[in-house]
Amino acid sequence: MSEDYQIVIGLEVHVQLLTRSKLFCGCDTRFGAPPNTQTCPVCIGMPGTLPVMNRQAFQLALKTAVALNCVIAQQTKWDRKNYYYPDLPKGYQISQYDLPIGRDGWLELPGADGQSGARRIGIIRVHLEEDAGKSMHDEHSGTGASRIDLNRAGTPLLEIVSRPDIRSPAEAKAYLTELKLLLNYLRVSDCNMQEGSLRVDANINLHIATPQGTAATPIVEVKNMNSFRAVERALAYEAERQYWQWQETGKRLGEVPKSTRGWDESAQVTREQRAKEESSDYRYFPEPDLPPVTITEAEIEAVRSSLEELPASIRKRLARDYGITPYDADVIVNGGRQLVGYYEALVHACGDGKVAANWIQQDVLRTLNQQQIEIQQFPVAPEALGRLIRKVLHGELTTARAREVLAEMLASGRSVEEAMAHLGVASVDENELMELCRRLVAANPKIVAEARQGKLKGIAQLVGQAKKSNPNVNPRLVQEICLRLIQQPQAST
């Protein structure tokens, strides 16, 4: 029987901020330009150049630190992180070391399926730094050549370092999903991993229960993970690899050094890259060309008061105010702030929060996914969809018929009434439905007699006859009215 172990994970997330220019110069930050066309003497490290701080980048970083419940430094400074790599032409990166913008914060994760029991993951620090360039390795032509693109060098980068509070690969994925959602709501980054605007490094080790106490394996930093799913897979593999390595070394932990490993997506394994650096390896010292930045309490409060409602708060409010489940609220919030707005307008239009949530999940989101569009491009306004849903709630249309109407509205742009007329779908008047049910009850004495004896199987035949007579009737209402008529006291003769 193998010893029990606990997985311990901390994540370092690097996020490119949504600024038009770089952190210390005026070069463009747009993605996709030809290599080395968005550079200048400052961001390529020419001698004699001086950096000038981008105020918007600093404001976005401060906004994020406040939203992550961090303690905000009243004074922060810049430091040089020294290392040599081809995509770092200056030989150092301007970053923040001992005085980050924010520290000791936390991010709340929703419970499983949006349920209660949320966990808080601690945030060690939030700090600004300039990005490095990009190395492009030619692994297909056989030359083995590498090229350097410095367009990204100097782009504002926000590093968010979690505490080692994460206890499973699945929870690591959940943390990243919630963090990305928060950053999107704040509009500080597009978080596009395919374009490199969100990158993740993970630190993982195991705490293993032994008869002598708890043993900890050396920390391994895992890099080169290009999706949240890849993060989950890489950490699951690495936890298993560390456990078996611990077994194979005779459980002598001192013989296994800290290391950095890269995730190989095609082989689904991590591969050793180098020994893991410590902070002393970077020889940090204060950046002499940039003054410290002072942040007043008034500035912090101004940022705090400017924050719009954030995902965790919206989830709780939707569940409380509209009577929907935490799962429903989670799905809606994960769709973004615009979808939340659409949902709330839909509730006000139809009057039922739960039914509106069902239509959002089963019809609106399906259409958005099929057509690859955003909610802003959804062609049916919430007021129009709300009118259609009200017809279902009032028994005028079945859900199936209403979905046919919605499909016509989506395809043609017609209003609810125009789509119904085009399809030949008509609301059934309550008096008309009652008269139809009276005729059915009168014409089927055998079914009526059986129903009065508790044998209700024949009621389905009445519903079928009603649908044949008028395809627009609501089967549920037909059944309810017929049963009510059958159960009425019989007149004495």
Foldseek 3Di string as FASTA:
>chain_A
DDFDKWKWKKKKKKFFWPDQAFAFDRFGQDFDDPFPPRDDCVLLPPPPDFGDGDVVLVLLLLLLQVVQVFDADQWFAWKWQAADDVQRNNRTKIWGDPHFGTAFGWDWFADVLLAPPIDIWTWGGKHKIADTWDWDFDPDPPPRDIDTGGSRRRGIMIIIIIGRPDTALVSQLRVVLQSCLQCVLSNTGPCQLVRPRMFMKMWMWMFTQDPVGTDIAAIEIEGDQRDSVSSRLASVQVHVVRSVVCVVVVNPRVVDAYFYWYQDVVVSYTHTDGGDDDSVVRVMDGDPRDDMDGDDPVNSVVSVVPRDDGLVRQLVCLCVPQVEHSSLSNVQSSLDPVSSVQLVLLCVQQVHNHVSSVCCVPPVVVVCVVVVHHPVPQLDGSNQLSVLVNCCVVQQAPPVVSVQLVVQCRVPVDGSVVSCVVVVAGGDDPVNLLVLLVVLCVVCVPCLVVVVVVNNPCLVVSLVVVCVVPVGGDSVVSSVSNSVVSPPDDDDD
